[in-house]
Amino acid sequence: MVKETKFYDLLEVPPTASEAELKKAYRKKALKEHPDKGGDPEKFKAITAAYEVLSDADKRDLYDRFGEQGLEGGGMGGGMDPQDLFSQLFGGGGGGFFGGGGGRPRGPRKGKDLVHRVKVSLEELYVGKVTKLALQKQVLCKKCDGRGGKEGAVKTCGGCNGQGIKVVLRQLGPMVQQMQQTCPECQGQGEIINAKDRCKECNGKKINHERKVLEVRIDKGMDDGSQITFKQEADQAPNTIPGDVVIVIDEKPHPRFKRKKNDLFIDVEVDLLTALGGGKILIEHLDEHALSVDIPAGEVIKPGDVKVLRGQGMPSYRHHEMGDLYVNLSVAFPETIDIDCIPLLEKALPPRRGLPKTKKEIDVEDVQMDDLDEREARNVRPNGAAQHPGIDDDDEEGGQTGVQCANQ
């Protein structure tokens, strides 16, 4: 004797109805009340919920004994989406019965994308590069076309109705607990293939692994974080659209150049004579050619001056424009100077600044400046000697230790 008959009444079957009778009744009612055929959406949901319970032996037993209250106590609310259940039982989104019109499209899902970061130097982004990337990927078994066995040998698991999981109900006093577990009959596959019918190539797993080599073209001017997409080259799986392989550019820091979009920045140190009297500086670029830059005589370079070389920056991605190269100039001063040169400097340079005048008469004390010892130098200048940022020691040929006057 069942506690209540509401769900049976919705399907218009007696409580003694068999599984086949339940399915036939649900099909008839679902076709009548399906929203795509002008039926009542609420009635469609109700009969679907009823069938979902009565088609599951454990849920049906619980309903027969305790009614809807027993299902609610076990956290059985919610259930499967009515469209999903209808599609699972009868195929498609209603298209098998309604000529494909109006139902929600339910094609195969798309697999996960595979994202791979590639470290690229600034030189390679300046000139472009082609590299190869080897991947191990899943592919559908070619021998069985991804079926796992002979045609017709794959059967839907009856223990879980093809879901791969089973719902287990446990009585805990007045409450009922619902738990999901992997179906032991199909090991969570939702399908069963007899051992003799399994594909010998994939052993019924439907997939194999193979090595795939992709040719990655890194175009000049690409930015850090740029993506190169290989459509549907990720892992294959049955009833699944393969995901994409996405290559992400990871720009490596450069020891001399800094980049901001298509512009480049570099620190260049010039000697004092060039800064005051003009000359040339040489900048080695990213593609093994150098830029010879003229500093006109009479133009004085001051520490911190910034000059720009138009069109000498990075190439624009897929365009013909070039960015600019900004040169941050610093001046290398000699450690000492020959005192015999001072009169010549006094003649060539602007006069010394006078001592500033104080607002009132104060005592003035004569003091002497000393050089820092090594410990003091480390504390005051934690980076050590005043080496110019961005310039390697190898760029200096011996440095400047002192200046002597030429014989006149």
Protein backbone atom coordinates (compact mmCIF):
# COMPACT_ATOMS: atom_id res chain seq x y z
CA MET A 1 0.00 0.00 0.00
CA VAL A 2 1.53 3.29 -1.07
CA LYS A 3 1.32 6.37 1.16
CA GLU A 4 0.16 8.70 -1.64
CA THR A 5 -0.50 8.48 -5.40
CA LYS A 6 0.04 12.04 -6.64
CA PHE A 7 3.00 11.18 -8.90
CA TYR A 8 1.20 8.14 -10.32
CA ASP A 9 -1.87 10.28 -10.97
CA LEU A 10 0.19 12.85 -12.88
CA LEU A 11 1.34 10.10 -15.24
CA GLU A 12 -2.11 8.44 -15.20
CA VAL A 13 -0.75 5.03 -14.21
CA PRO A 14 -1.55 2.76 -11.23
CA PRO A 15 1.01 2.33 -8.37
CA THR A 16 1.70 -1.15 -9.73
CA ALA A 17 2.90 0.18 -13.12
CA SER A 18 6.07 -1.40 -14.52
CA GLU A 19 9.14 0.57 -15.66
CA ALA A 20 8.08 0.19 -19.31
CA GLU A 21 4.55 1.41 -18.52
CA LEU A 22 5.97 4.43 -16.66
CA LYS A 23 8.20 5.35 -19.56
CA LYS A 24 5.40 4.98 -22.10
CA ALA A 25 3.07 7.12 -19.98
CA TYR A 26 5.69 9.80 -19.46
CA ARG A 27 6.43 9.95 -23.18
CA LYS A 28 2.74 10.42 -23.97
CA LYS A 29 2.24 13.12 -21.35
CA ALA A 30 5.50 14.89 -22.11
CA LEU A 31 4.67 15.14 -25.80
CA LYS A 32 1.29 16.61 -24.93
CA GLU A 33 2.54 19.16 -22.38
CA HIS A 34 5.89 20.05 -23.97
CA PRO A 35 6.26 23.88 -24.14
CA ASP A 36 7.44 23.67 -27.74
CA LYS A 37 4.05 22.26 -28.71
CA GLY A 38 2.07 24.86 -26.81
CA GLY A 39 1.75 22.79 -23.65
CA ASP A 40 1.73 24.04 -20.08
CA PRO A 41 5.35 24.51 -18.84
CA GLU A 42 4.34 23.94 -15.21
CA LYS A 43 2.54 20.68 -16.02
CA PHE A 44 5.58 19.59 -18.06
CA LYS A 45 7.81 20.22 -15.04
CA ALA A 46 5.44 18.38 -12.73
CA ILE A 47 5.15 15.22 -14.83
CA THR A 48 8.93 15.24 -15.40
CA ALA A 49 9.57 15.50 -11.66
CA ALA A 50 7.14 12.66 -11.07
CA TYR A 51 8.79 10.43 -13.66
CA GLU A 52 12.29 11.24 -12.34
CA VAL A 53 11.25 9.84 -8.93
CA LEU A 54 9.23 6.85 -10.10
CA SER A 55 11.83 5.73 -12.67
CA ASP A 56 14.46 5.42 -9.92
CA ALA A 57 13.90 2.27 -7.84
CA ASP A 58 15.31 3.75 -4.63
CA LYS A 59 13.41 7.03 -4.93
CA ARG A 60 10.22 5.20 -5.86
CA ASP A 61 10.48 2.96 -2.80
CA LEU A 62 11.04 6.02 -0.61
CA TYR A 63 8.05 7.81 -2.16
CA ASP A 64 5.80 4.78 -1.80
CA ARG A 65 6.65 4.53 1.91
CA PHE A 66 6.84 8.19 2.97
CA GLY A 67 5.35 10.24 0.16
CA GLU A 68 6.77 13.59 -0.95
CA GLN A 69 7.66 14.43 2.66
CA GLY A 70 10.16 11.60 2.71
CA LEU A 71 11.83 12.91 -0.46
CA GLU A 72 12.07 16.42 0.95
CA GLY A 73 13.56 15.16 4.18
CA GLY A 74 16.31 13.48 2.24
CA GLY A 75 17.23 16.59 0.32
CA MET A 76 15.71 15.28 -2.88
CA GLY A 77 14.42 18.63 -4.13
CA GLY A 78 15.53 20.21 -7.35
CA GLY A 79 16.11 17.24 -9.56
CA MET A 80 17.14 17.22 -13.19
CA ASP A 81 16.16 19.96 -15.61
CA PRO A 82 12.96 18.77 -17.38
CA GLN A 83 14.46 19.44 -20.82
CA ASP A 84 17.57 17.45 -19.88
CA LEU A 85 15.56 14.43 -18.76
CA PHE A 86 13.35 14.58 -21.85
CA SER A 87 16.42 14.80 -24.13
CA GLN A 88 18.18 11.98 -22.28
CA LEU A 89 15.24 9.63 -22.66
CA PHE A 90 14.05 10.49 -26.15
CA GLY A 91 17.03 12.21 -27.77
CA GLY A 92 17.64 15.82 -28.85
CA GLY A 93 15.90 18.91 -27.51
CA GLY A 94 12.52 17.79 -28.79
CA GLY A 95 13.73 17.66 -32.40
CA GLY A 96 13.17 13.90 -32.65
CA PHE A 97 9.44 14.47 -32.20
CA PHE A 98 8.87 18.05 -33.38
CA GLY A 99 10.98 18.13 -36.53
CA GLY A 100 13.80 20.00 -34.78
CA GLY A 101 11.76 23.20 -34.37
CA GLY A 102 11.78 25.42 -31.31
CA GLY A 103 13.67 23.15 -28.89
CA ARG A 104 16.83 24.31 -27.16
CA PRO A 105 19.92 23.21 -29.13
CA ARG A 106 21.89 20.66 -27.17
CA GLY A 107 24.95 19.73 -29.18
CA PRO A 108 28.12 18.20 -27.77
CA ARG A 109 29.88 20.24 -25.12
CA LYS A 110 33.27 21.80 -25.74
CA GLY A 111 36.32 20.43 -23.97
CA LYS A 112 38.77 22.43 -21.91
CA ASP A 113 41.28 24.73 -23.57
CA LEU A 114 44.95 23.97 -23.07
CA VAL A 115 46.91 27.12 -22.17
CA HIS A 116 50.69 27.09 -22.65
CA ARG A 117 52.98 30.03 -21.82
CA VAL A 118 56.03 30.58 -24.04
CA LYS A 119 58.92 32.76 -22.87
CA VAL A 120 60.09 35.06 -25.66
CA SER A 121 62.98 37.52 -25.67
CA LEU A 122 62.59 41.15 -26.73
CA GLU A 123 64.92 40.43 -29.66
CA GLU A 124 62.56 37.69 -30.88
CA LEU A 125 59.56 40.00 -30.56
CA TYR A 126 61.46 42.65 -32.54
CA VAL A 127 62.28 40.42 -35.54
CA GLY A 128 59.68 37.64 -35.20
CA LYS A 129 60.23 33.94 -34.73
CA VAL A 130 58.87 30.52 -35.68
CA THR A 131 59.17 27.81 -33.03
CA LYS A 132 57.77 24.33 -32.53
CA LEU A 133 55.76 23.09 -29.57
CA ALA A 134 55.39 19.37 -28.90
CA LEU A 135 52.30 18.20 -27.00
CA GLN A 136 51.00 14.87 -25.73
CA LYS A 137 47.26 14.86 -26.40
CA GLN A 138 44.27 12.56 -26.27
CA VAL A 139 42.83 11.52 -29.63
CA LEU A 140 39.83 9.38 -30.48
CA CYS A 141 40.82 5.82 -31.27
CA LYS A 142 41.06 5.53 -35.05
CA LYS A 143 40.45 1.80 -35.07
CA CYS A 144 37.01 1.94 -33.40
CA ASP A 145 36.18 5.57 -34.28
CA GLY A 146 35.99 6.40 -30.59
CA ARG A 147 33.25 3.85 -29.82
CA GLY A 148 35.38 1.64 -27.60
CA GLY A 149 34.34 -1.57 -29.33
CA LYS A 150 32.53 -3.12 -32.24
CA GLU A 151 29.59 -1.25 -33.66
CA GLY A 152 26.52 -2.05 -31.57
CA ALA A 153 28.59 -3.58 -28.76
CA VAL A 154 28.37 -0.56 -26.48
CA LYS A 155 25.35 -0.80 -24.16
CA THR A 156 23.96 1.81 -21.79
CA CYS A 157 24.54 0.73 -18.22
CA GLY A 158 21.24 -0.34 -16.66
CA GLY A 159 22.50 0.15 -13.14
CA CYS A 160 22.83 3.93 -13.51
CA ASN A 161 20.84 4.59 -16.70
CA GLY A 162 24.00 5.83 -18.38
CA GLN A 163 24.72 8.46 -15.72
CA GLY A 164 27.89 6.88 -14.34
CA ILE A 165 26.69 7.51 -10.79
CA LYS A 166 24.08 5.96 -8.52
CA VAL A 167 22.02 7.61 -5.82
CA VAL A 168 22.18 5.76 -2.50
CA LEU A 169 19.55 6.43 0.19
CA ARG A 170 20.35 5.86 3.85
CA GLN A 171 17.77 5.92 6.64
CA LEU A 172 19.01 7.97 9.58
CA GLY A 173 16.23 7.87 12.15
CA PRO A 174 13.33 9.93 10.79
CA MET A 175 15.52 11.43 8.09
CA VAL A 176 16.74 10.03 4.80
CA GLN A 177 20.19 10.92 3.50
CA GLN A 178 20.94 10.93 -0.22
CA MET A 179 24.49 10.18 -1.41
CA GLN A 180 26.02 9.79 -4.85
CA GLN A 181 28.58 7.13 -5.64
CA THR A 182 30.34 5.86 -8.76
CA CYS A 183 28.34 3.16 -10.41
CA PRO A 184 30.10 -0.14 -9.64
CA GLU A 185 28.70 -1.87 -12.71
CA CYS A 186 30.27 0.46 -15.28
CA GLN A 187 32.95 2.10 -13.09
CA GLY A 188 31.44 5.51 -13.77
CA GLN A 189 31.49 5.20 -17.58
CA GLY A 190 27.75 4.98 -18.07
CA GLU A 191 28.33 2.24 -20.65
CA ILE A 192 29.20 -1.41 -20.64
CA ILE A 193 31.21 -3.26 -23.31
CA ASN A 194 31.73 -7.00 -23.12
CA ALA A 195 35.40 -7.89 -22.89
CA LYS A 196 35.32 -9.88 -26.12
CA ASP A 197 33.88 -6.92 -28.02
CA ARG A 198 36.31 -4.27 -26.74
CA CYS A 199 38.61 -2.53 -29.18
CA LYS A 200 42.09 -4.06 -28.99
CA GLU A 201 43.70 -0.73 -29.83
CA CYS A 202 42.26 1.34 -26.95
CA ASN A 203 41.00 -1.50 -24.72
CA GLY A 204 37.54 0.03 -24.71
CA LYS A 205 38.70 3.44 -23.46
CA LYS A 206 37.82 5.10 -26.81
CA ILE A 207 40.93 7.28 -26.77
CA ASN A 208 44.66 6.95 -27.31
CA HIS A 209 47.56 9.34 -26.76
CA GLU A 210 49.76 10.74 -29.47
CA ARG A 211 52.47 13.35 -29.88
CA LYS A 212 51.42 16.49 -31.70
CA VAL A 213 53.89 19.15 -32.92
CA LEU A 214 52.51 22.65 -33.47
CA GLU A 215 54.34 25.30 -35.47
CA VAL A 216 54.02 28.52 -33.50
CA ARG A 217 54.54 31.72 -35.49
CA ILE A 218 55.45 34.63 -33.23
CA ASP A 219 54.95 37.77 -35.29
CA LYS A 220 57.16 40.78 -34.74
CA GLY A 221 55.62 43.44 -32.57
CA MET A 222 53.54 41.06 -30.45
CA ASP A 223 52.96 42.22 -26.88
CA ASP A 224 53.49 40.50 -23.59
CA GLY A 225 50.31 38.47 -22.99
CA SER A 226 49.42 38.16 -26.67
CA GLN A 227 47.65 34.91 -27.54
CA ILE A 228 48.04 32.53 -30.46
CA THR A 229 45.10 30.13 -30.76
CA PHE A 230 45.07 26.72 -32.44
CA LYS A 231 41.40 25.85 -32.83
CA GLN A 232 40.28 22.43 -31.53
CA GLU A 233 43.84 21.14 -31.04
CA ALA A 234 43.37 20.23 -27.37
CA ASP A 235 42.38 16.78 -26.07
CA GLN A 236 39.70 14.84 -27.93
CA ALA A 237 36.97 12.91 -26.16
CA PRO A 238 33.78 11.11 -27.22
CA ASN A 239 30.76 13.40 -27.80
CA THR A 240 32.94 16.43 -27.13
CA ILE A 241 34.19 19.27 -29.32
CA PRO A 242 37.93 19.54 -28.64
CA GLY A 243 39.07 22.68 -26.84
CA ASP A 244 41.68 25.06 -28.22
CA VAL A 245 45.41 25.20 -27.60
CA VAL A 246 46.18 28.75 -26.54
CA ILE A 247 49.77 29.99 -26.63
CA VAL A 248 50.39 32.99 -24.36
CA ILE A 249 53.45 35.20 -25.00
CA ASP A 250 55.54 35.75 -21.87
CA GLU A 251 58.02 38.55 -22.64
CA LYS A 252 61.33 38.13 -20.84
CA PRO A 253 62.93 41.20 -19.19
CA HIS A 254 65.76 42.76 -21.19
CA PRO A 255 69.05 43.87 -19.60
CA ARG A 256 69.27 47.16 -21.55
CA PHE A 257 65.93 48.03 -23.11
CA LYS A 258 62.58 48.65 -21.47
CA ARG A 259 59.38 48.46 -23.48
CA LYS A 260 56.11 50.34 -23.24
CA LYS A 261 53.74 49.28 -26.03
CA ASN A 262 55.69 50.08 -29.22
CA ASP A 263 58.20 52.47 -27.64
CA LEU A 264 61.61 51.49 -26.30
CA PHE A 265 63.63 53.11 -23.53
CA ILE A 266 67.35 52.81 -22.90
CA ASP A 267 69.87 54.39 -20.51
CA VAL A 268 73.09 55.60 -22.17
CA GLU A 269 76.13 57.03 -20.40
CA VAL A 270 78.37 59.52 -22.23
CA ASP A 271 81.80 60.78 -21.21
CA LEU A 272 82.20 64.36 -20.03
CA LEU A 273 84.13 65.50 -23.09
CA THR A 274 81.37 64.26 -25.44
CA ALA A 275 78.73 65.80 -23.19
CA LEU A 276 80.47 69.20 -23.39
CA GLY A 277 82.17 69.16 -26.77
CA GLY A 278 80.03 66.87 -28.91
CA GLY A 279 80.84 63.57 -30.58
CA LYS A 280 79.11 60.29 -31.33
CA ILE A 281 77.49 57.57 -29.27
CA LEU A 282 76.71 54.05 -30.48
CA ILE A 283 73.56 52.15 -29.50
CA GLU A 284 73.42 48.44 -30.32
CA HIS A 285 69.83 47.63 -31.32
CA LEU A 286 67.81 44.42 -30.95
CA ASP A 287 68.49 43.01 -34.42
CA GLU A 288 72.30 43.07 -34.45
CA HIS A 289 72.61 46.48 -36.04
CA ALA A 290 73.78 49.66 -34.30
CA LEU A 291 72.62 53.26 -34.32
CA SER A 292 75.31 55.95 -34.59
CA VAL A 293 73.98 59.07 -32.87
CA ASP A 294 75.66 62.45 -33.43
CA ILE A 295 75.88 64.97 -30.60
CA PRO A 296 76.62 68.33 -32.23
CA ALA A 297 79.54 70.40 -30.95
CA GLY A 298 78.28 73.23 -28.80
CA GLU A 299 75.27 71.28 -27.50
CA VAL A 300 75.77 70.41 -23.85
CA ILE A 301 74.38 67.13 -22.57
CA LYS A 302 73.21 67.34 -18.96
CA PRO A 303 72.63 64.34 -16.67
CA GLY A 304 69.00 63.28 -17.01
CA ASP A 305 68.49 64.67 -20.51
CA VAL A 306 66.13 62.56 -22.61
CA LYS A 307 66.36 62.45 -26.40
CA VAL A 308 64.15 60.55 -28.84
CA LEU A 309 65.05 58.65 -31.98
CA ARG A 310 61.88 58.63 -34.07
CA GLY A 311 60.89 55.36 -35.70
CA GLN A 312 63.59 53.34 -33.92
CA GLY A 313 61.31 51.58 -31.41
CA MET A 314 59.36 48.32 -31.72
CA PRO A 315 57.45 47.39 -34.88
CA SER A 316 53.67 47.53 -34.60
CA TYR A 317 51.93 44.14 -34.64
CA ARG A 318 50.56 43.55 -38.16
CA HIS A 319 51.16 47.19 -39.11
CA HIS A 320 54.04 49.01 -40.79
CA GLU A 321 54.47 51.75 -38.17
CA MET A 322 57.43 51.77 -35.80
CA GLY A 323 57.53 53.11 -32.26
CA ASP A 324 60.15 55.51 -30.94
CA LEU A 325 63.35 54.95 -28.98
CA TYR A 326 63.82 57.20 -25.95
CA VAL A 327 67.41 57.69 -24.76
CA ASN A 328 67.94 58.68 -21.13
CA LEU A 329 71.41 60.27 -20.95
CA SER A 330 73.78 60.39 -18.02
CA VAL A 331 77.29 61.85 -17.85
CA ALA A 332 80.39 60.04 -16.58
CA PHE A 333 82.59 62.47 -14.65
CA PRO A 334 86.32 61.81 -14.11
CA GLU A 335 87.54 60.83 -10.68
CA THR A 336 90.20 63.58 -10.63
CA ILE A 337 91.48 66.37 -12.86
CA ASP A 338 94.89 67.88 -13.55
CA ILE A 339 94.98 71.25 -11.78
CA ASP A 340 96.89 72.71 -14.73
CA CYS A 341 93.67 72.29 -16.75
CA ILE A 342 91.62 74.46 -14.43
CA PRO A 343 92.56 77.82 -16.06
CA LEU A 344 91.50 76.40 -19.42
CA LEU A 345 88.20 75.26 -17.95
CA GLU A 346 87.65 78.65 -16.34
CA LYS A 347 88.13 80.20 -19.73
CA ALA A 348 85.79 77.79 -21.54
CA LEU A 349 83.04 77.44 -18.95
CA PRO A 350 80.65 79.94 -17.37
CA PRO A 351 82.03 81.63 -14.24
CA ARG A 352 81.68 80.01 -10.85
CA ARG A 353 78.62 80.80 -8.85
CA GLY A 354 79.28 83.11 -5.95
CA LEU A 355 78.59 82.06 -2.40
CA PRO A 356 74.98 82.70 -1.44
CA LYS A 357 74.36 85.66 0.78
CA THR A 358 72.82 85.03 4.18
CA LYS A 359 69.93 87.06 5.50
CA LYS A 360 71.92 88.25 8.47
CA GLU A 361 75.42 88.21 9.80
CA ILE A 362 76.28 84.68 10.97
CA ASP A 363 79.47 82.84 11.77
CA VAL A 364 80.84 80.84 8.86
CA GLU A 365 82.95 77.76 9.63
CA ASP A 366 85.42 76.34 7.12
CA VAL A 367 85.12 72.53 6.84
CA GLN A 368 86.52 69.83 4.56
CA MET A 369 84.65 67.02 2.77
CA ASP A 370 86.04 63.47 3.03
CA ASP A 371 85.47 60.42 0.87
CA LEU A 372 83.27 57.66 2.25
CA ASP A 373 84.89 54.47 3.47
CA GLU A 374 83.57 51.15 2.08
CA ARG A 375 81.09 50.57 4.93
CA GLU A 376 79.68 54.07 4.65
CA ALA A 377 79.41 53.74 0.88
CA ARG A 378 77.34 50.56 1.23
CA ASN A 379 74.98 52.20 3.74
CA VAL A 380 74.52 55.43 1.80
CA ARG A 381 74.49 53.86 -1.67
CA PRO A 382 73.12 50.32 -1.26
CA ASN A 383 73.60 49.59 -4.96
CA GLY A 384 77.33 50.11 -4.64
CA ALA A 385 79.23 52.36 -7.01
CA ALA A 386 77.27 54.80 -9.10
CA GLN A 387 77.04 52.47 -12.06
CA HIS A 388 74.42 53.74 -14.50
CA PRO A 389 71.28 51.57 -14.66
CA GLY A 390 70.94 49.46 -17.76
CA ILE A 391 74.64 49.61 -18.75
CA ASP A 392 76.86 46.57 -18.22
CA ASP A 393 80.39 46.89 -16.88
CA ASP A 394 81.59 45.36 -20.14
CA ASP A 395 80.33 48.45 -21.97
CA GLU A 396 83.06 50.53 -20.31
CA GLU A 397 86.62 50.18 -21.54
CA GLY A 398 88.64 50.80 -18.42
CA GLY A 399 86.52 53.79 -17.26
CA GLN A 400 87.86 57.28 -16.64
CA THR A 401 90.25 57.67 -13.75
CA GLY A 402 91.51 61.15 -14.37
CA VAL A 403 91.93 63.95 -16.89
CA GLN A 404 95.25 65.49 -17.86
CA CYS A 405 95.83 68.60 -19.87
CA ALA A 406 97.24 68.13 -23.34
CA ASN A 407 100.59 69.84 -24.02
CA GLN A 408 99.98 73.21 -25.60
